[in-house]
PDB file of N, CA and C in Angstrom:
ATOM      1  N   UNK A   1      28.819  14.654  -8.627  1.00  0.00           N
ATOM      2  CA  UNK A   1      27.566  13.958  -8.701  1.00  0.00           C
ATOM      3  C   UNK A   1      27.702  12.538  -8.098  1.00  0.00           C
ATOM      4  N   UNK A   2      26.769  12.163  -7.232  1.00  0.00           N
ATOM      5  CA  UNK A   2      26.820  10.877  -6.552  1.00  0.00           C
ATOM      6  C   UNK A   2      26.358   9.760  -7.469  1.00  0.00           C
ATOM      7  N   UNK A   3      27.080   8.669  -7.467  1.00  0.00           N
ATOM      8  CA  UNK A   3      26.699   7.524  -8.200  1.00  0.00           C
ATOM      9  C   UNK A   3      27.006   6.307  -7.225  1.00  0.00           C
ATOM     10  N   UNK A   4      26.273   5.163  -7.528  1.00  0.00           N
ATOM     11  CA  UNK A   4      26.528   3.957  -6.815  1.00  0.00           C
ATOM     12  C   UNK A   4      26.349   2.891  -7.737  1.00  0.00           C
ATOM     13  N   UNK A   5      27.150   1.827  -7.579  1.00  0.00           N
ATOM     14  CA  UNK A   5      27.039   0.603  -8.335  1.00  0.00           C
ATOM     15  C   UNK A   5      26.536  -0.489  -7.441  1.00  0.00           C
ATOM     16  N   UNK A   6      25.406  -1.171  -7.705  1.00  0.00           N
ATOM     17  CA  UNK A   6      24.893  -2.134  -6.877  1.00  0.00           C
ATOM     18  C   UNK A   6      24.841  -3.443  -7.765  1.00  0.00           C
ATOM     19  N   UNK A   7      24.901  -4.640  -7.142  1.00  0.00           N
ATOM     20  CA  UNK A   7      24.695  -5.911  -7.869  1.00  0.00           C
ATOM     21  C   UNK A   7      23.280  -6.369  -7.584  1.00  0.00           C
ATOM     22  N   UNK A   8      22.475  -6.504  -8.562  1.00  0.00           N
ATOM     23  CA  UNK A   8      21.130  -6.992  -8.511  1.00  0.00           C
ATOM     24  C   UNK A   8      21.064  -8.442  -9.003  1.00  0.00           C
ATOM     25  N   UNK A   9      20.200  -9.241  -8.403  1.00  0.00           N
ATOM     26  CA  UNK A   9      20.051 -10.677  -8.824  1.00  0.00           C
ATOM     27  C   UNK A   9      18.878 -10.711  -9.698  1.00  0.00           C
ATOM     28  N   UNK A  10      19.074 -11.039 -10.971  1.00  0.00           N
ATOM     29  CA  UNK A  10      17.930 -11.026 -12.025  1.00  0.00           C
ATOM     30  C   UNK A  10      17.934 -12.468 -12.541  1.00  0.00           C
ATOM     31  N   UNK A  11      16.971 -13.270 -12.111  1.00  0.00           N
ATOM     32  CA  UNK A  11      16.724 -14.541 -12.581  1.00  0.00           C
ATOM     33  C   UNK A  11      18.045 -15.399 -12.326  1.00  0.00           C
ATOM     34  N   UNK A  12      18.621 -15.168 -11.243  1.00  0.00           N
ATOM     35  CA  UNK A  12      19.824 -16.111 -10.939  1.00  0.00           C
ATOM     36  C   UNK A  12      21.151 -15.463 -11.482  1.00  0.00           C
ATOM     37  N   UNK A  13      21.125 -14.338 -12.183  1.00  0.00           N
ATOM     38  CA  UNK A  13      22.307 -13.677 -12.800  1.00  0.00           C
ATOM     39  C   UNK A  13      22.502 -12.368 -12.043  1.00  0.00           C
ATOM     40  N   UNK A  14      23.714 -12.269 -11.581  1.00  0.00           N
ATOM     41  CA  UNK A  14      24.040 -10.907 -10.843  1.00  0.00           C
ATOM     42  C   UNK A  14      24.367  -9.939 -12.008  1.00  0.00           C
ATOM     43  N   UNK A  15      23.649  -8.789 -11.902  1.00  0.00           N
ATOM     44  CA  UNK A  15      23.864  -7.723 -12.946  1.00  0.00           C
ATOM     45  C   UNK A  15      24.201  -6.436 -12.167  1.00  0.00           C
ATOM     46  N   UNK A  16      25.257  -5.830 -12.577  1.00  0.00           N
ATOM     47  CA  UNK A  16      25.607  -4.526 -12.006  1.00  0.00           C
ATOM     48  C   UNK A  16      24.721  -3.352 -12.477  1.00  0.00           C
ATOM     49  N   UNK A  17      24.225  -2.594 -11.496  1.00  0.00           N
ATOM     50  CA  UNK A  17      23.401  -1.396 -11.955  1.00  0.00           C
ATOM     51  C   UNK A  17      24.036  -0.149 -11.457  1.00  0.00           C
ATOM     52  N   UNK A  18      24.092   0.815 -12.327  1.00  0.00           N
ATOM     53  CA  UNK A  18      24.739   2.169 -12.000  1.00  0.00           C
ATOM     54  C   UNK A  18      23.572   3.086 -11.697  1.00  0.00           C
ATOM     55  N   UNK A  19      23.522   3.595 -10.381  1.00  0.00           N
ATOM     56  CA  UNK A  19      22.482   4.432  -9.950  1.00  0.00           C
ATOM     57  C   UNK A  19      22.974   5.974  -9.847  1.00  0.00           C
ATOM     58  N   UNK A  20      22.363   6.855 -10.424  1.00  0.00           N
ATOM     59  CA  UNK A  20      22.701   8.309 -10.300  1.00  0.00           C
ATOM     60  C   UNK A  20      22.156   8.947  -9.069  1.00  0.00           C
ATOM     61  N   UNK A  21      22.365  10.159  -8.876  1.00  0.00           N
ATOM     62  CA  UNK A  21      21.935  10.913  -7.664  1.00  0.00           C
ATOM     63  C   UNK A  21      20.321  10.838  -7.482  1.00  0.00           C
ATOM     64  N   UNK A  22      19.685  11.047  -8.656  1.00  0.00           N
ATOM     65  CA  UNK A  22      18.248  11.121  -8.630  1.00  0.00           C
ATOM     66  C   UNK A  22      17.688   9.673  -8.097  1.00  0.00           C
ATOM     67  N   UNK A  23      18.287   8.619  -8.678  1.00  0.00           N
ATOM     68  CA  UNK A  23      17.767   7.337  -8.360  1.00  0.00           C
ATOM     69  C   UNK A  23      18.091   7.050  -6.802  1.00  0.00           C
ATOM     70  N   UNK A  24      19.252   7.438  -6.380  1.00  0.00           N
ATOM     71  CA  UNK A  24      19.580   7.270  -4.950  1.00  0.00           C
ATOM     72  C   UNK A  24      18.673   8.048  -4.068  1.00  0.00           C
ATOM     73  N   UNK A  25      18.353   9.258  -4.514  1.00  0.00           N
ATOM     74  CA  UNK A  25      17.363  10.125  -3.688  1.00  0.00           C
ATOM     75  C   UNK A  25      15.957   9.495  -3.617  1.00  0.00           C
ATOM     76  N   UNK A  26      15.518   8.979  -4.717  1.00  0.00           N
ATOM     77  CA  UNK A  26      14.158   8.298  -4.879  1.00  0.00           C
ATOM     78  C   UNK A  26      14.157   7.080  -4.008  1.00  0.00           C
ATOM     79  N   UNK A  27      15.235   6.232  -3.914  1.00  0.00           N
ATOM     80  CA  UNK A  27      15.338   5.051  -3.070  1.00  0.00           C
ATOM     81  C   UNK A  27      15.321   5.552  -1.605  1.00  0.00           C
ATOM     82  N   UNK A  28      16.100   6.543  -1.237  1.00  0.00           N
ATOM     83  CA  UNK A  28      16.044   7.122   0.123  1.00  0.00           C
ATOM     84  C   UNK A  28      14.684   7.582   0.571  1.00  0.00           C
ATOM     85  N   UNK A  29      13.971   8.273  -0.321  1.00  0.00           N
ATOM     86  CA  UNK A  29      12.685   8.716   0.019  1.00  0.00           C
ATOM     87  C   UNK A  29      11.680   7.615   0.263  1.00  0.00           C
ATOM     88  N   UNK A  30      11.764   6.573  -0.610  1.00  0.00           N
ATOM     89  CA  UNK A  30      10.919   5.442  -0.457  1.00  0.00           C
ATOM     90  C   UNK A  30      11.203   4.739   0.808  1.00  0.00           C
ATOM     91  N   UNK A  31      12.431   4.528   1.213  1.00  0.00           N
ATOM     92  CA  UNK A  31      12.844   3.879   2.380  1.00  0.00           C
ATOM     93  C   UNK A  31      12.298   4.684   3.688  1.00  0.00           C
ATOM     94  N   UNK A  32      12.385   5.995   3.596  1.00  0.00           N
ATOM     95  CA  UNK A  32      11.870   6.857   4.696  1.00  0.00           C
ATOM     96  C   UNK A  32      10.324   6.683   4.864  1.00  0.00           C
ATOM     97  N   UNK A  33       9.608   6.623   3.745  1.00  0.00           N
ATOM     98  CA  UNK A  33       8.246   6.296   3.763  1.00  0.00           C
ATOM     99  C   UNK A  33       7.912   5.004   4.478  1.00  0.00           C
ATOM    100  N   UNK A  34       8.647   4.005   4.062  1.00  0.00           N
ATOM    101  CA  UNK A  34       8.427   2.653   4.667  1.00  0.00           C
ATOM    102  C   UNK A  34       8.710   2.635   6.192  1.00  0.00           C
ATOM    103  N   UNK A  35       9.683   3.407   6.558  1.00  0.00           N
ATOM    104  CA  UNK A  35      10.044   3.400   8.031  1.00  0.00           C
ATOM    105  C   UNK A  35       8.868   4.082   8.800  1.00  0.00           C
ATOM    106  N   UNK A  36       8.045   4.867   8.185  1.00  0.00           N
ATOM    107  CA  UNK A  36       6.907   5.534   8.856  1.00  0.00           C
ATOM    108  C   UNK A  36       5.697   4.738   8.515  1.00  0.00           C
ATOM    109  N   UNK A  37       5.725   3.507   8.143  1.00  0.00           N
ATOM    110  CA  UNK A  37       4.591   2.584   7.929  1.00  0.00           C
ATOM    111  C   UNK A  37       3.779   2.795   6.685  1.00  0.00           C
ATOM    112  N   UNK A  38       4.297   3.618   5.812  1.00  0.00           N
ATOM    113  CA  UNK A  38       3.503   3.914   4.630  1.00  0.00           C
ATOM    114  C   UNK A  38       4.297   3.275   3.361  1.00  0.00           C
ATOM    115  N   UNK A  39       3.550   2.691   2.495  1.00  0.00           N
ATOM    116  CA  UNK A  39       4.066   2.098   1.245  1.00  0.00           C
ATOM    117  C   UNK A  39       3.953   3.094   0.218  1.00  0.00           C
ATOM    118  N   UNK A  40       4.988   3.637  -0.300  1.00  0.00           N
ATOM    119  CA  UNK A  40       4.887   4.764  -1.256  1.00  0.00           C
ATOM    120  C   UNK A  40       4.163   4.250  -2.706  1.00  0.00           C
ATOM    121  N   UNK A  41       4.183   2.997  -2.905  1.00  0.00           N
ATOM    122  CA  UNK A  41       3.640   2.437  -4.071  1.00  0.00           C
ATOM    123  C   UNK A  41       2.263   1.979  -3.962  1.00  0.00           C
ATOM    124  N   UNK A  42       1.698   2.008  -2.671  1.00  0.00           N
ATOM    125  CA  UNK A  42       0.356   1.551  -2.397  1.00  0.00           C
ATOM    126  C   UNK A  42      -0.642   2.500  -3.040  1.00  0.00           C
ATOM    127  N   UNK A  43      -1.769   1.948  -3.586  1.00  0.00           N
ATOM    128  CA  UNK A  43      -2.793   2.730  -4.102  1.00  0.00           C
ATOM    129  C   UNK A  43      -3.676   3.209  -2.967  1.00  0.00           C
ATOM    130  N   UNK A  44      -4.103   4.442  -3.100  1.00  0.00           N
ATOM    131  CA  UNK A  44      -4.946   4.924  -2.038  1.00  0.00           C
ATOM    132  C   UNK A  44      -6.433   4.277  -2.047  1.00  0.00           C
ATOM    133  N   UNK A  45      -6.783   3.519  -3.014  1.00  0.00           N
ATOM    134  CA  UNK A  45      -7.978   2.831  -3.130  1.00  0.00           C
ATOM    135  C   UNK A  45      -7.804   1.408  -3.215  1.00  0.00           C
ATOM    136  N   UNK A  46      -8.734   0.571  -2.538  1.00  0.00           N
ATOM    137  CA  UNK A  46      -8.560  -0.853  -2.496  1.00  0.00           C
ATOM    138  C   UNK A  46      -9.924  -1.430  -2.916  1.00  0.00           C
ATOM    139  N   UNK A  47      -9.919  -2.672  -3.517  1.00  0.00           N
ATOM    140  CA  UNK A  47     -11.140  -3.321  -3.847  1.00  0.00           C
ATOM    141  C   UNK A  47     -11.623  -4.016  -2.530  1.00  0.00           C
ATOM    142  N   UNK A  48     -12.882  -4.498  -2.565  1.00  0.00           N
ATOM    143  CA  UNK A  48     -13.372  -5.298  -1.321  1.00  0.00           C
ATOM    144  C   UNK A  48     -12.489  -6.381  -0.964  1.00  0.00           C
ATOM    145  N   UNK A  49     -11.944  -7.140  -1.900  1.00  0.00           N
ATOM    146  CA  UNK A  49     -11.104  -8.285  -1.634  1.00  0.00           C
ATOM    147  C   UNK A  49      -9.793  -7.789  -1.010  1.00  0.00           C
ATOM    148  N   UNK A  50      -9.243  -6.703  -1.553  1.00  0.00           N
ATOM    149  CA  UNK A  50      -7.945  -6.187  -0.944  1.00  0.00           C
ATOM    150  C   UNK A  50      -8.232  -5.677   0.428  1.00  0.00           C
ATOM    151  N   UNK A  51      -9.309  -4.991   0.671  1.00  0.00           N
ATOM    152  CA  UNK A  51      -9.706  -4.440   2.021  1.00  0.00           C
ATOM    153  C   UNK A  51      -9.860  -5.568   3.061  1.00  0.00           C
ATOM    154  N   UNK A  52     -10.481  -6.716   2.592  1.00  0.00           N
ATOM    155  CA  UNK A  52     -10.651  -7.826   3.472  1.00  0.00           C
ATOM    156  C   UNK A  52      -9.268  -8.436   3.835  1.00  0.00           C
ATOM    157  N   UNK A  53      -8.407  -8.483   2.924  1.00  0.00           N
ATOM    158  CA  UNK A  53      -7.059  -9.077   3.096  1.00  0.00           C
ATOM    159  C   UNK A  53      -6.353  -8.047   4.081  1.00  0.00           C
ATOM    160  N   UNK A  54      -6.453  -6.826   3.801  1.00  0.00           N
ATOM    161  CA  UNK A  54      -5.740  -5.777   4.652  1.00  0.00           C
ATOM    162  C   UNK A  54      -6.233  -5.863   6.063  1.00  0.00           C
ATOM    163  N   UNK A  55      -7.572  -5.970   6.323  1.00  0.00           N
ATOM    164  CA  UNK A  55      -8.053  -6.156   7.626  1.00  0.00           C
ATOM    165  C   UNK A  55      -7.986  -7.544   8.259  1.00  0.00           C
ATOM    166  N   UNK A  56      -7.590  -8.460   7.411  1.00  0.00           N
ATOM    167  CA  UNK A  56      -7.484  -9.846   7.854  1.00  0.00           C
ATOM    168  C   UNK A  56      -8.893 -10.380   8.278  1.00  0.00           C
ATOM    169  N   UNK A  57      -9.866 -10.166   7.388  1.00  0.00           N
ATOM    170  CA  UNK A  57     -11.264 -10.569   7.713  1.00  0.00           C
ATOM    171  C   UNK A  57     -11.859 -11.201   6.446  1.00  0.00           C
ATOM    172  N   UNK A  58     -13.045 -11.652   6.576  1.00  0.00           N
ATOM    173  CA  UNK A  58     -13.721 -12.166   5.365  1.00  0.00           C
ATOM    174  C   UNK A  58     -14.293 -11.056   4.599  1.00  0.00           C
ATOM    175  N   UNK A  59     -14.516 -11.300   3.315  1.00  0.00           N
ATOM    176  CA  UNK A  59     -15.115 -10.259   2.410  1.00  0.00           C
ATOM    177  C   UNK A  59     -16.507  -9.897   2.928  1.00  0.00           C
ATOM    178  N   UNK A  60     -17.258 -10.884   3.507  1.00  0.00           N
ATOM    179  CA  UNK A  60     -18.567 -10.442   4.034  1.00  0.00           C
ATOM    180  C   UNK A  60     -18.516  -9.382   5.148  1.00  0.00           C
ATOM    181  N   UNK A  61     -17.444  -9.387   5.920  1.00  0.00           N
ATOM    182  CA  UNK A  61     -17.225  -8.338   6.962  1.00  0.00           C
ATOM    183  C   UNK A  61     -17.240  -6.970   6.295  1.00  0.00           C
ATOM    184  N   UNK A  62     -16.414  -6.821   5.126  1.00  0.00           N
ATOM    185  CA  UNK A  62     -16.274  -5.623   4.443  1.00  0.00           C
ATOM    186  C   UNK A  62     -17.688  -5.197   3.938  1.00  0.00           C
ATOM    187  N   UNK A  63     -18.364  -6.139   3.332  1.00  0.00           N
ATOM    188  CA  UNK A  63     -19.811  -5.880   2.781  1.00  0.00           C
ATOM    189  C   UNK A  63     -20.645  -5.389   3.961  1.00  0.00           C
ATOM    190  N   UNK A  64     -20.580  -6.030   5.182  1.00  0.00           N
ATOM    191  CA  UNK A  64     -21.364  -5.578   6.310  1.00  0.00           C
ATOM    192  C   UNK A  64     -20.978  -4.141   6.743  1.00  0.00           C
ATOM    193  N   UNK A  65     -19.765  -3.814   6.761  1.00  0.00           N
ATOM    194  CA  UNK A  65     -19.329  -2.541   7.157  1.00  0.00           C
ATOM    195  C   UNK A  65     -19.801  -1.466   6.176  1.00  0.00           C
ATOM    196  N   UNK A  66     -19.830  -1.844   4.887  1.00  0.00           N
ATOM    197  CA  UNK A  66     -20.370  -0.962   3.823  1.00  0.00           C
ATOM    198  C   UNK A  66     -21.913  -0.785   3.975  1.00  0.00           C
ATOM    199  N   UNK A  67     -22.606  -1.834   4.259  1.00  0.00           N
ATOM    200  CA  UNK A  67     -24.081  -1.732   4.425  1.00  0.00           C
ATOM    201  C   UNK A  67     -24.431  -0.844   5.632  1.00  0.00           C
ATOM    202  N   UNK A  68     -23.567  -1.064   6.667  1.00  0.00           N
ATOM    203  CA  UNK A  68     -23.843  -0.281   7.869  1.00  0.00           C
ATOM    204  C   UNK A  68     -23.365   1.175   7.796  1.00  0.00           C
ATOM    205  N   UNK A  69     -22.874   1.475   6.681  1.00  0.00           N
ATOM    206  CA  UNK A  69     -22.262   2.826   6.391  1.00  0.00           C
ATOM    207  C   UNK A  69     -21.094   3.228   7.342  1.00  0.00           C
ATOM    208  N   UNK A  70     -20.423   2.189   7.869  1.00  0.00           N
ATOM    209  CA  UNK A  70     -19.214   2.471   8.692  1.00  0.00           C
ATOM    210  C   UNK A  70     -18.082   2.608   7.835  1.00  0.00           C
ATOM    211  N   UNK A  71     -18.136   2.217   6.540  1.00  0.00           N
ATOM    212  CA  UNK A  71     -17.119   2.444   5.441  1.00  0.00           C
ATOM    213  C   UNK A  71     -17.944   2.958   4.298  1.00  0.00           C
ATOM    214  N   UNK A  72     -17.259   3.828   3.508  1.00  0.00           N
ATOM    215  CA  UNK A  72     -17.896   4.474   2.299  1.00  0.00           C
ATOM    216  C   UNK A  72     -17.391   3.682   1.105  1.00  0.00           C
ATOM    217  N   UNK A  73     -18.432   3.441   0.109  1.00  0.00           N
ATOM    218  CA  UNK A  73     -18.005   2.777  -1.055  1.00  0.00           C
ATOM    219  C   UNK A  73     -17.898   3.842  -2.063  1.00  0.00           C
ATOM    220  N   UNK A  74     -16.943   3.566  -2.989  1.00  0.00           N
ATOM    221  CA  UNK A  74     -16.656   4.372  -4.197  1.00  0.00           C
ATOM    222  C   UNK A  74     -16.946   3.481  -5.352  1.00  0.00           C
ATOM    223  N   UNK A  75     -17.876   3.840  -6.265  1.00  0.00           N
ATOM    224  CA  UNK A  75     -18.179   3.080  -7.368  1.00  0.00           C
ATOM    225  C   UNK A  75     -17.318   3.540  -8.670  1.00  0.00           C
ATOM    226  N   UNK A  76     -16.552   2.666  -9.246  1.00  0.00           N
ATOM    227  CA  UNK A  76     -15.958   2.932 -10.499  1.00  0.00           C
ATOM    228  C   UNK A  76     -16.352   1.907 -11.464  1.00  0.00           C
ATOM    229  N   UNK A  77     -17.358   2.220 -12.292  1.00  0.00           N
ATOM    230  CA  UNK A  77     -17.984   1.204 -13.142  1.00  0.00           C
ATOM    231  C   UNK A  77     -18.557   0.198 -12.354  1.00  0.00           C
ATOM    232  N   UNK A  78     -18.083  -1.130 -12.529  1.00  0.00           N
ATOM    233  CA  UNK A  78     -18.670  -2.226 -11.797  1.00  0.00           C
ATOM    234  C   UNK A  78     -17.897  -2.557 -10.475  1.00  0.00           C
ATOM    235  N   UNK A  79     -16.716  -1.895 -10.335  1.00  0.00           N
ATOM    236  CA  UNK A  79     -15.892  -2.085  -9.112  1.00  0.00           C
ATOM    237  C   UNK A  79     -16.406  -1.236  -7.976  1.00  0.00           C
ATOM    238  N   UNK A  80     -16.270  -1.765  -6.800  1.00  0.00           N
ATOM    239  CA  UNK A  80     -16.508  -1.039  -5.510  1.00  0.00           C
ATOM    240  C   UNK A  80     -15.218  -0.845  -4.935  1.00  0.00           C
ATOM    241  N   UNK A  81     -14.805   0.418  -4.602  1.00  0.00           N
ATOM    242  CA  UNK A  81     -13.555   0.612  -4.084  1.00  0.00           C
ATOM    243  C   UNK A  81     -13.686   1.286  -2.617  1.00  0.00           C
ATOM    244  N   UNK A  82     -12.676   1.199  -1.791  1.00  0.00           N
ATOM    245  CA  UNK A  82     -12.743   1.793  -0.474  1.00  0.00           C
ATOM    246  C   UNK A  82     -11.440   2.479  -0.306  1.00  0.00           C
ATOM    247  N   UNK A  83     -11.415   3.626   0.378  1.00  0.00           N
ATOM    248  CA  UNK A  83     -10.220   4.394   0.622  1.00  0.00           C
ATOM    249  C   UNK A  83      -9.379   3.713   1.624  1.00  0.00           C
ATOM    250  N   UNK A  84      -7.992   3.581   1.385  1.00  0.00           N
ATOM    251  CA  UNK A  84      -7.108   3.064   2.419  1.00  0.00           C
ATOM    252  C   UNK A  84      -7.141   3.820   3.731  1.00  0.00           C
ATOM    253  N   UNK A  85      -7.170   5.154   3.591  1.00  0.00           N
ATOM    254  CA  UNK A  85      -7.128   5.999   4.757  1.00  0.00           C
ATOM    255  C   UNK A  85      -8.361   5.772   5.626  1.00  0.00           C
ATOM    256  N   UNK A  86      -9.516   5.494   5.022  1.00  0.00           N
ATOM    257  CA  UNK A  86     -10.708   5.165   5.707  1.00  0.00           C
ATOM    258  C   UNK A  86     -10.541   3.899   6.522  1.00  0.00           C
ATOM    259  N   UNK A  87      -9.964   2.866   5.931  1.00  0.00           N
ATOM    260  CA  UNK A  87      -9.766   1.623   6.531  1.00  0.00           C
ATOM    261  C   UNK A  87      -8.847   1.883   7.845  1.00  0.00           C
ATOM    262  N   UNK A  88      -7.766   2.657   7.635  1.00  0.00           N
ATOM    263  CA  UNK A  88      -6.816   3.132   8.763  1.00  0.00           C
ATOM    264  C   UNK A  88      -7.667   3.597   9.921  1.00  0.00           C
ATOM    265  N   UNK A  89      -8.535   4.603   9.586  1.00  0.00           N
ATOM    266  CA  UNK A  89      -9.344   5.275  10.581  1.00  0.00           C
ATOM    267  C   UNK A  89     -10.282   4.321  11.300  1.00  0.00           C
ATOM    268  N   UNK A  90     -10.817   3.357  10.505  1.00  0.00           N
ATOM    269  CA  UNK A  90     -11.748   2.335  11.023  1.00  0.00           C
ATOM    270  C   UNK A  90     -10.948   1.536  12.094  1.00  0.00           C
ATOM    271  N   UNK A  91      -9.797   1.108  11.789  1.00  0.00           N
ATOM    272  CA  UNK A  91      -8.952   0.318  12.752  1.00  0.00           C
ATOM    273  C   UNK A  91      -8.642   1.156  13.935  1.00  0.00           C
ATOM    274  N   UNK A  92      -8.393   2.432  13.766  1.00  0.00           N
ATOM    275  CA  UNK A  92      -7.994   3.249  14.924  1.00  0.00           C
ATOM    276  C   UNK A  92      -9.254   3.451  15.900  1.00  0.00           C
ATOM    277  N   UNK A  93     -10.445   3.543  15.282  1.00  0.00           N
ATOM    278  CA  UNK A  93     -11.729   3.682  16.064  1.00  0.00           C
ATOM    279  C   UNK A  93     -11.909   2.377  16.852  1.00  0.00           C
ATOM    280  N   UNK A  94     -11.475   1.313  16.274  1.00  0.00           N
ATOM    281  CA  UNK A  94     -11.786  -0.047  16.847  1.00  0.00           C
ATOM    282  C   UNK A  94     -10.618  -0.345  17.959  1.00  0.00           C
ATOM    283  N   UNK A  95      -9.589   0.592  18.013  1.00  0.00           N
ATOM    284  CA  UNK A  95      -8.579   0.419  18.956  1.00  0.00           C
ATOM    285  C   UNK A  95      -7.596  -0.734  18.521  1.00  0.00           C
ATOM    286  N   UNK A  96      -7.576  -0.974  17.197  1.00  0.00           N
ATOM    287  CA  UNK A  96      -6.686  -2.024  16.766  1.00  0.00           C
ATOM    288  C   UNK A  96      -5.679  -1.460  15.770  1.00  0.00           C
ATOM    289  N   UNK A  97      -4.432  -1.297  16.322  1.00  0.00           N
ATOM    290  CA  UNK A  97      -3.434  -0.803  15.402  1.00  0.00           C
ATOM    291  C   UNK A  97      -3.073  -1.758  14.256  1.00  0.00           C
ATOM    292  N   UNK A  98      -2.714  -1.199  13.150  1.00  0.00           N
ATOM    293  CA  UNK A  98      -2.323  -2.032  11.915  1.00  0.00           C
ATOM    294  C   UNK A  98      -0.998  -2.654  12.220  1.00  0.00           C
TER     295      UNK A  98
END
């Protein structure tokens, strides 16, 4: 069984961590996803503010895209959410890689 000991810095204190084979495999899978430009911890849905930050634009621009139906809104109670994949497709249509 594979195991690794790494030293992690926790609040300025170096702490040894023992990682088993499952933990090492999970870390490897997460790193592979990041190499392909995907964040494995990222939510598939974003708020309007998160979408604006992601596209590096003002919130009003996202509101405009929603009103023009160039983006689809998902309502969850009072929150308005937008699919991350749809934002990626919007960028590709605009010819602007992320």
